[in-house]
C-alpha atoms as a PDB file:
ATOM      1  CA  UNK A   1       8.699  20.327  25.964  1.00  0.00           C
ATOM      2  CA  UNK A   2       5.387  22.052  26.720  1.00  0.00           C
ATOM      3  CA  UNK A   3       5.530  24.047  23.471  1.00  0.00           C
ATOM      4  CA  UNK A   4       5.905  20.779  21.520  1.00  0.00           C
ATOM      5  CA  UNK A   5       2.748  19.490  23.186  1.00  0.00           C
ATOM      6  CA  UNK A   6       0.864  22.663  22.248  1.00  0.00           C
ATOM      7  CA  UNK A   7       2.128  22.703  18.642  1.00  0.00           C
ATOM      8  CA  UNK A   8       1.034  19.086  18.283  1.00  0.00           C
ATOM      9  CA  UNK A   9      -2.368  19.987  19.686  1.00  0.00           C
ATOM     10  CA  UNK A  10      -2.545  22.967  17.325  1.00  0.00           C
ATOM     11  CA  UNK A  11      -2.051  20.659  14.353  1.00  0.00           C
ATOM     12  CA  UNK A  12      -5.079  18.604  15.442  1.00  0.00           C
ATOM     13  CA  UNK A  13      -7.470  21.522  14.988  1.00  0.00           C
ATOM     14  CA  UNK A  14      -9.978  21.074  12.177  1.00  0.00           C
ATOM     15  CA  UNK A  15     -11.601  23.495   9.752  1.00  0.00           C
ATOM     16  CA  UNK A  16      -8.621  25.832   9.278  1.00  0.00           C
ATOM     17  CA  UNK A  17      -6.906  26.629   5.988  1.00  0.00           C
ATOM     18  CA  UNK A  18      -3.218  25.838   5.719  1.00  0.00           C
ATOM     19  CA  UNK A  19      -1.836  29.414   6.129  1.00  0.00           C
ATOM     20  CA  UNK A  20      -3.944  30.062   9.232  1.00  0.00           C
ATOM     21  CA  UNK A  21      -2.889  26.728  10.690  1.00  0.00           C
ATOM     22  CA  UNK A  22       0.770  27.579  10.166  1.00  0.00           C
ATOM     23  CA  UNK A  23       0.267  30.838  12.070  1.00  0.00           C
ATOM     24  CA  UNK A  24      -1.476  28.874  14.831  1.00  0.00           C
ATOM     25  CA  UNK A  25       1.453  26.452  14.940  1.00  0.00           C
ATOM     26  CA  UNK A  26       3.993  29.229  15.485  1.00  0.00           C
ATOM     27  CA  UNK A  27       1.835  30.977  18.091  1.00  0.00           C
ATOM     28  CA  UNK A  28       1.630  27.658  19.958  1.00  0.00           C
ATOM     29  CA  UNK A  29       5.397  27.271  19.686  1.00  0.00           C
ATOM     30  CA  UNK A  30       5.692  30.283  22.026  1.00  0.00           C
ATOM     31  CA  UNK A  31       3.372  28.837  24.672  1.00  0.00           C
ATOM     32  CA  UNK A  32       4.429  29.611  28.232  1.00  0.00           C
ATOM     33  CA  UNK A  33       3.287  26.975  30.724  1.00  0.00           C
ATOM     34  CA  UNK A  34       3.503  29.402  33.646  1.00  0.00           C
ATOM     35  CA  UNK A  35       1.278  32.105  32.168  1.00  0.00           C
ATOM     36  CA  UNK A  36      -0.764  29.701  29.982  1.00  0.00           C
ATOM     37  CA  UNK A  37      -0.388  32.209  27.174  1.00  0.00           C
ATOM     38  CA  UNK A  38       1.805  32.969  24.156  1.00  0.00           C
ATOM     39  CA  UNK A  39       3.614  36.266  23.684  1.00  0.00           C
ATOM     40  CA  UNK A  40       5.330  36.361  20.270  1.00  0.00           C
ATOM     41  CA  UNK A  41       5.501  39.773  18.615  1.00  0.00           C
ATOM     42  CA  UNK A  42       3.894  40.302  15.228  1.00  0.00           C
ATOM     43  CA  UNK A  43       7.368  40.778  13.738  1.00  0.00           C
ATOM     44  CA  UNK A  44       8.523  37.454  15.171  1.00  0.00           C
ATOM     45  CA  UNK A  45       5.480  35.617  13.808  1.00  0.00           C
ATOM     46  CA  UNK A  46       5.924  37.210  10.393  1.00  0.00           C
ATOM     47  CA  UNK A  47       9.541  36.030  10.268  1.00  0.00           C
ATOM     48  CA  UNK A  48       8.755  32.511  11.482  1.00  0.00           C
ATOM     49  CA  UNK A  49       5.748  32.057   9.173  1.00  0.00           C
ATOM     50  CA  UNK A  50       7.568  33.725   6.256  1.00  0.00           C
ATOM     51  CA  UNK A  51       4.587  36.008   5.699  1.00  0.00           C
ATOM     52  CA  UNK A  52       3.985  39.738   5.823  1.00  0.00           C
ATOM     53  CA  UNK A  53       2.797  41.266   9.098  1.00  0.00           C
ATOM     54  CA  UNK A  54      -0.470  42.151   7.405  1.00  0.00           C
ATOM     55  CA  UNK A  55      -1.007  38.542   6.301  1.00  0.00           C
ATOM     56  CA  UNK A  56      -0.216  37.208   9.775  1.00  0.00           C
ATOM     57  CA  UNK A  57      -2.610  39.722  11.329  1.00  0.00           C
ATOM     58  CA  UNK A  58      -5.356  38.582   8.958  1.00  0.00           C
ATOM     59  CA  UNK A  59      -4.833  34.936   9.851  1.00  0.00           C
ATOM     60  CA  UNK A  60      -4.871  35.784  13.569  1.00  0.00           C
ATOM     61  CA  UNK A  61      -8.235  37.469  12.991  1.00  0.00           C
ATOM     62  CA  UNK A  62      -9.442  34.236  11.384  1.00  0.00           C
ATOM     63  CA  UNK A  63      -8.133  32.153  14.294  1.00  0.00           C
ATOM     64  CA  UNK A  64      -9.870  34.438  16.781  1.00  0.00           C
ATOM     65  CA  UNK A  65     -13.137  34.237  14.852  1.00  0.00           C
ATOM     66  CA  UNK A  66     -12.905  30.448  14.835  1.00  0.00           C
ATOM     67  CA  UNK A  67     -12.442  30.455  18.615  1.00  0.00           C
ATOM     68  CA  UNK A  68      -9.057  28.712  18.813  1.00  0.00           C
ATOM     69  CA  UNK A  69      -7.201  31.901  19.796  1.00  0.00           C
ATOM     70  CA  UNK A  70      -8.125  34.689  22.213  1.00  0.00           C
ATOM     71  CA  UNK A  71      -6.160  37.925  22.173  1.00  0.00           C
ATOM     72  CA  UNK A  72      -4.759  39.082  25.502  1.00  0.00           C
ATOM     73  CA  UNK A  73      -4.189  42.818  25.661  1.00  0.00           C
ATOM     74  CA  UNK A  74      -1.119  43.810  27.657  1.00  0.00           C
ATOM     75  CA  UNK A  75      -0.291  47.202  29.111  1.00  0.00           C
ATOM     76  CA  UNK A  76       2.882  48.796  30.348  1.00  0.00           C
ATOM     77  CA  UNK A  77       3.212  50.184  33.849  1.00  0.00           C
ATOM     78  CA  UNK A  78       2.312  53.643  32.520  1.00  0.00           C
ATOM     79  CA  UNK A  79      -0.957  52.331  31.109  1.00  0.00           C
ATOM     80  CA  UNK A  80       0.028  52.356  27.443  1.00  0.00           C
ATOM     81  CA  UNK A  81      -0.723  49.257  25.388  1.00  0.00           C
ATOM     82  CA  UNK A  82       2.049  46.935  24.268  1.00  0.00           C
ATOM     83  CA  UNK A  83       1.973  43.939  21.917  1.00  0.00           C
ATOM     84  CA  UNK A  84      -0.841  41.424  22.254  1.00  0.00           C
ATOM     85  CA  UNK A  85      -0.545  38.039  23.842  1.00  0.00           C
ATOM     86  CA  UNK A  86      -2.619  35.023  22.877  1.00  0.00           C
ATOM     87  CA  UNK A  87      -4.445  32.311  24.785  1.00  0.00           C
ATOM     88  CA  UNK A  88      -5.035  29.000  23.016  1.00  0.00           C
ATOM     89  CA  UNK A  89      -8.431  27.319  23.141  1.00  0.00           C
ATOM     90  CA  UNK A  90      -7.421  24.035  21.547  1.00  0.00           C
ATOM     91  CA  UNK A  91      -9.557  20.916  21.494  1.00  0.00           C
ATOM     92  CA  UNK A  92      -8.164  17.404  21.549  1.00  0.00           C
ATOM     93  CA  UNK A  93      -9.431  15.102  18.796  1.00  0.00           C
ATOM     94  CA  UNK A  94     -10.781  11.751  20.037  1.00  0.00           C
ATOM     95  CA  UNK A  95      -8.779   9.816  17.452  1.00  0.00           C
ATOM     96  CA  UNK A  96      -5.444  11.129  18.688  1.00  0.00           C
ATOM     97  CA  UNK A  97      -4.199  10.477  22.196  1.00  0.00           C
ATOM     98  CA  UNK A  98      -1.481  12.927  23.072  1.00  0.00           C
ATOM     99  CA  UNK A  99       0.431  12.067  26.240  1.00  0.00           C
ATOM    100  CA  UNK A 100       0.705  14.777  28.913  1.00  0.00           C
ATOM    101  CA  UNK A 101       3.593  17.208  28.441  1.00  0.00           C
ATOM    102  CA  UNK A 102       6.930  16.242  29.924  1.00  0.00           C
ATOM    103  CA  UNK A 103       8.257  18.211  32.852  1.00  0.00           C
ATOM    104  CA  UNK A 104      11.014  20.654  31.933  1.00  0.00           C
ATOM    105  CA  UNK A 105      13.484  18.544  33.884  1.00  0.00           C
ATOM    106  CA  UNK A 106      12.535  15.307  32.173  1.00  0.00           C
ATOM    107  CA  UNK A 107      15.214  13.782  29.963  1.00  0.00           C
ATOM    108  CA  UNK A 108      14.393  12.241  26.568  1.00  0.00           C
ATOM    109  CA  UNK A 109      14.310   8.449  26.849  1.00  0.00           C
ATOM    110  CA  UNK A 110      17.342   7.967  24.598  1.00  0.00           C
ATOM    111  CA  UNK A 111      19.498   9.918  27.049  1.00  0.00           C
ATOM    112  CA  UNK A 112      18.852   7.333  29.770  1.00  0.00           C
ATOM    113  CA  UNK A 113      19.989   4.258  27.854  1.00  0.00           C
ATOM    114  CA  UNK A 114      22.541   2.157  29.748  1.00  0.00           C
ATOM    115  CA  UNK A 115      26.017   1.970  28.144  1.00  0.00           C
ATOM    116  CA  UNK A 116      25.776  -1.712  27.268  1.00  0.00           C
ATOM    117  CA  UNK A 117      23.004  -0.978  24.750  1.00  0.00           C
ATOM    118  CA  UNK A 118      25.608   0.614  22.503  1.00  0.00           C
ATOM    119  CA  UNK A 119      26.961  -2.799  21.642  1.00  0.00           C
ATOM    120  CA  UNK A 120      23.672  -4.354  20.560  1.00  0.00           C
ATOM    121  CA  UNK A 121      22.417  -4.683  16.984  1.00  0.00           C
ATOM    122  CA  UNK A 122      18.833  -5.485  17.953  1.00  0.00           C
ATOM    123  CA  UNK A 123      16.107  -3.190  16.646  1.00  0.00           C
ATOM    124  CA  UNK A 124      14.946  -0.972  19.488  1.00  0.00           C
ATOM    125  CA  UNK A 125      18.437  -0.261  20.865  1.00  0.00           C
ATOM    126  CA  UNK A 126      20.897   2.405  19.773  1.00  0.00           C
ATOM    127  CA  UNK A 127      24.295   1.307  18.464  1.00  0.00           C
ATOM    128  CA  UNK A 128      27.442   3.298  17.812  1.00  0.00           C
ATOM    129  CA  UNK A 129      27.388   2.103  14.211  1.00  0.00           C
ATOM    130  CA  UNK A 130      23.800   3.286  13.732  1.00  0.00           C
ATOM    131  CA  UNK A 131      24.520   6.738  15.104  1.00  0.00           C
ATOM    132  CA  UNK A 132      27.579   7.024  12.869  1.00  0.00           C
ATOM    133  CA  UNK A 133      25.277   7.583   9.873  1.00  0.00           C
ATOM    134  CA  UNK A 134      24.200  10.935  11.263  1.00  0.00           C
ATOM    135  CA  UNK A 135      27.024  12.872   9.628  1.00  0.00           C
ATOM    136  CA  UNK A 136      26.097  11.341   6.267  1.00  0.00           C
ATOM    137  CA  UNK A 137      22.432  12.250   6.752  1.00  0.00           C
ATOM    138  CA  UNK A 138      23.350  15.802   7.717  1.00  0.00           C
ATOM    139  CA  UNK A 139      25.565  16.241   4.643  1.00  0.00           C
ATOM    140  CA  UNK A 140      22.849  14.803   2.404  1.00  0.00           C
ATOM    141  CA  UNK A 141      20.015  16.987   3.701  1.00  0.00           C
ATOM    142  CA  UNK A 142      19.759  20.401   1.971  1.00  0.00           C
ATOM    143  CA  UNK A 143      18.066  22.237   4.859  1.00  0.00           C
ATOM    144  CA  UNK A 144      20.615  22.371   7.674  1.00  0.00           C
ATOM    145  CA  UNK A 145      18.603  23.616  10.659  1.00  0.00           C
ATOM    146  CA  UNK A 146      18.585  22.228  14.217  1.00  0.00           C
ATOM    147  CA  UNK A 147      21.516  19.824  14.082  1.00  0.00           C
ATOM    148  CA  UNK A 148      21.324  18.873  17.769  1.00  0.00           C
ATOM    149  CA  UNK A 149      17.587  18.251  17.593  1.00  0.00           C
ATOM    150  CA  UNK A 150      18.076  16.152  14.468  1.00  0.00           C
ATOM    151  CA  UNK A 151      20.715  14.022  16.193  1.00  0.00           C
ATOM    152  CA  UNK A 152      18.316  13.298  19.065  1.00  0.00           C
ATOM    153  CA  UNK A 153      15.540  12.537  16.581  1.00  0.00           C
ATOM    154  CA  UNK A 154      17.786   9.986  14.847  1.00  0.00           C
ATOM    155  CA  UNK A 155      18.542   8.323  18.189  1.00  0.00           C
ATOM    156  CA  UNK A 156      14.819   7.915  18.700  1.00  0.00           C
ATOM    157  CA  UNK A 157      14.121   6.848  15.110  1.00  0.00           C
ATOM    158  CA  UNK A 158      16.605   3.967  15.074  1.00  0.00           C
ATOM    159  CA  UNK A 159      14.780   2.345  17.980  1.00  0.00           C
ATOM    160  CA  UNK A 160      11.875   1.925  15.550  1.00  0.00           C
ATOM    161  CA  UNK A 161      13.419   1.014  12.197  1.00  0.00           C
ATOM    162  CA  UNK A 162      16.856  -0.010  10.834  1.00  0.00           C
ATOM    163  CA  UNK A 163      19.349   2.782  10.265  1.00  0.00           C
ATOM    164  CA  UNK A 164      20.006   1.727   6.670  1.00  0.00           C
ATOM    165  CA  UNK A 165      16.293   2.068   5.874  1.00  0.00           C
ATOM    166  CA  UNK A 166      16.324   5.608   7.276  1.00  0.00           C
ATOM    167  CA  UNK A 167      19.366   6.503   5.182  1.00  0.00           C
ATOM    168  CA  UNK A 168      17.917   5.018   1.993  1.00  0.00           C
ATOM    169  CA  UNK A 169      14.482   6.610   2.459  1.00  0.00           C
ATOM    170  CA  UNK A 170      15.974  10.009   3.246  1.00  0.00           C
ATOM    171  CA  UNK A 171      18.043   9.874   0.062  1.00  0.00           C
ATOM    172  CA  UNK A 172      14.866   9.143  -1.930  1.00  0.00           C
ATOM    173  CA  UNK A 173      13.048  12.000  -0.217  1.00  0.00           C
ATOM    174  CA  UNK A 174      15.825  14.486  -0.972  1.00  0.00           C
ATOM    175  CA  UNK A 175      15.878  13.397  -4.604  1.00  0.00           C
ATOM    176  CA  UNK A 176      12.080  13.605  -4.866  1.00  0.00           C
ATOM    177  CA  UNK A 177      12.147  17.155  -3.511  1.00  0.00           C
ATOM    178  CA  UNK A 178      13.932  18.180  -6.677  1.00  0.00           C
ATOM    179  CA  UNK A 179      13.890  21.894  -7.475  1.00  0.00           C
ATOM    180  CA  UNK A 180      11.316  22.910  -4.903  1.00  0.00           C
ATOM    181  CA  UNK A 181      12.223  25.801  -2.611  1.00  0.00           C
ATOM    182  CA  UNK A 182      14.160  24.445   0.376  1.00  0.00           C
ATOM    183  CA  UNK A 183      12.547  26.952   2.716  1.00  0.00           C
ATOM    184  CA  UNK A 184       9.384  24.827   2.511  1.00  0.00           C
ATOM    185  CA  UNK A 185      11.311  21.654   3.292  1.00  0.00           C
ATOM    186  CA  UNK A 186      10.677  20.123   6.735  1.00  0.00           C
ATOM    187  CA  UNK A 187      13.575  20.146   9.158  1.00  0.00           C
ATOM    188  CA  UNK A 188      15.504  16.900   9.345  1.00  0.00           C
ATOM    189  CA  UNK A 189      14.273  16.394  12.925  1.00  0.00           C
ATOM    190  CA  UNK A 190      10.684  16.821  11.713  1.00  0.00           C
ATOM    191  CA  UNK A 191      11.234  14.242   8.960  1.00  0.00           C
ATOM    192  CA  UNK A 192      12.672  11.745  11.452  1.00  0.00           C
ATOM    193  CA  UNK A 193      10.125  12.355  14.210  1.00  0.00           C
ATOM    194  CA  UNK A 194       7.336  11.990  11.666  1.00  0.00           C
ATOM    195  CA  UNK A 195       8.588   8.513  10.673  1.00  0.00           C
ATOM    196  CA  UNK A 196       8.682   9.748   7.098  1.00  0.00           C
ATOM    197  CA  UNK A 197      10.807   6.783   6.013  1.00  0.00           C
ATOM    198  CA  UNK A 198       7.514   4.999   5.312  1.00  0.00           C
ATOM    199  CA  UNK A 199       6.203   7.742   2.993  1.00  0.00           C
ATOM    200  CA  UNK A 200       5.267   6.772  -0.560  1.00  0.00           C
ATOM    201  CA  UNK A 201       7.092   9.136  -2.903  1.00  0.00           C
ATOM    202  CA  UNK A 202       6.129   9.993  -6.472  1.00  0.00           C
ATOM    203  CA  UNK A 203       8.960  11.998  -7.926  1.00  0.00           C
ATOM    204  CA  UNK A 204       7.210  13.150 -11.086  1.00  0.00           C
ATOM    205  CA  UNK A 205       4.219  14.625  -9.274  1.00  0.00           C
ATOM    206  CA  UNK A 206       6.416  16.399  -6.749  1.00  0.00           C
ATOM    207  CA  UNK A 207       8.115  18.275  -9.565  1.00  0.00           C
ATOM    208  CA  UNK A 208       4.749  19.663 -10.692  1.00  0.00           C
ATOM    209  CA  UNK A 209       3.335  20.754  -7.339  1.00  0.00           C
ATOM    210  CA  UNK A 210       1.364  24.004  -7.337  1.00  0.00           C
ATOM    211  CA  UNK A 211       1.924  26.644  -4.659  1.00  0.00           C
ATOM    212  CA  UNK A 212      -1.242  25.494  -2.860  1.00  0.00           C
ATOM    213  CA  UNK A 213      -0.046  21.894  -2.913  1.00  0.00           C
ATOM    214  CA  UNK A 214       3.327  23.001  -1.552  1.00  0.00           C
ATOM    215  CA  UNK A 215       1.512  24.717   1.316  1.00  0.00           C
ATOM    216  CA  UNK A 216      -0.275  21.474   2.086  1.00  0.00           C
ATOM    217  CA  UNK A 217       3.085  19.723   2.099  1.00  0.00           C
ATOM    218  CA  UNK A 218       4.339  22.206   4.691  1.00  0.00           C
ATOM    219  CA  UNK A 219       1.261  21.607   6.812  1.00  0.00           C
ATOM    220  CA  UNK A 220       1.756  17.872   6.590  1.00  0.00           C
ATOM    221  CA  UNK A 221       5.337  18.156   7.814  1.00  0.00           C
ATOM    222  CA  UNK A 222       4.339  20.394  10.709  1.00  0.00           C
ATOM    223  CA  UNK A 223       1.698  17.898  11.770  1.00  0.00           C
ATOM    224  CA  UNK A 224       4.412  15.339  12.259  1.00  0.00           C
ATOM    225  CA  UNK A 225       6.026  17.511  14.953  1.00  0.00           C
ATOM    226  CA  UNK A 226       3.579  15.945  17.417  1.00  0.00           C
ATOM    227  CA  UNK A 227       5.814  12.860  17.301  1.00  0.00           C
ATOM    228  CA  UNK A 228       8.374  14.804  19.336  1.00  0.00           C
ATOM    229  CA  UNK A 229       6.283  14.525  22.497  1.00  0.00           C
ATOM    230  CA  UNK A 230       5.684  10.784  22.294  1.00  0.00           C
END
């Protein structure tokens, strides 16, 4: 869960343009708590960010100039240089209080619910009927990535709002997405963890989004990943 903490912290950083922030997000996703550094290859970052290596390299230069990233040069045993690592110099914003990262052995709270909660219909407890909507949500959602993570996110979401509201709001979101490229669509887990069921959707304007506006939409969905550590 440490990488989720660092990606959430990355999304708090101010003064960065959307493409550079996306690169920062994916660097943070590779954070290693033991070394306190990140070691993704340039090829890996290019694939994850859906950018060229040259573009990623340029955004890393920007991140280094802004002070949020420090390159760590690594060498092989024979003295030759290998791919760079990165140290994150991220600042916590006073208006957001991130909890400390969970230990690797910590279990998500929904995994520790006693069995008798499965028979309750009260908001804040998980019921078998509520969880049964997952298959419908998964079929409905065009971007099928991270099914297990999405299932856990639903278990968490239905402790906060009724399952039927989630299902209805997700259907509206999918419809509002329209003909936009699905590769820019947030993962289902991201949508759920971001409590996006309360979003105000304007279908007409979504159809006319420019490429820059679409990039901002991506950034907004990534920001909501910080919900995964709460």
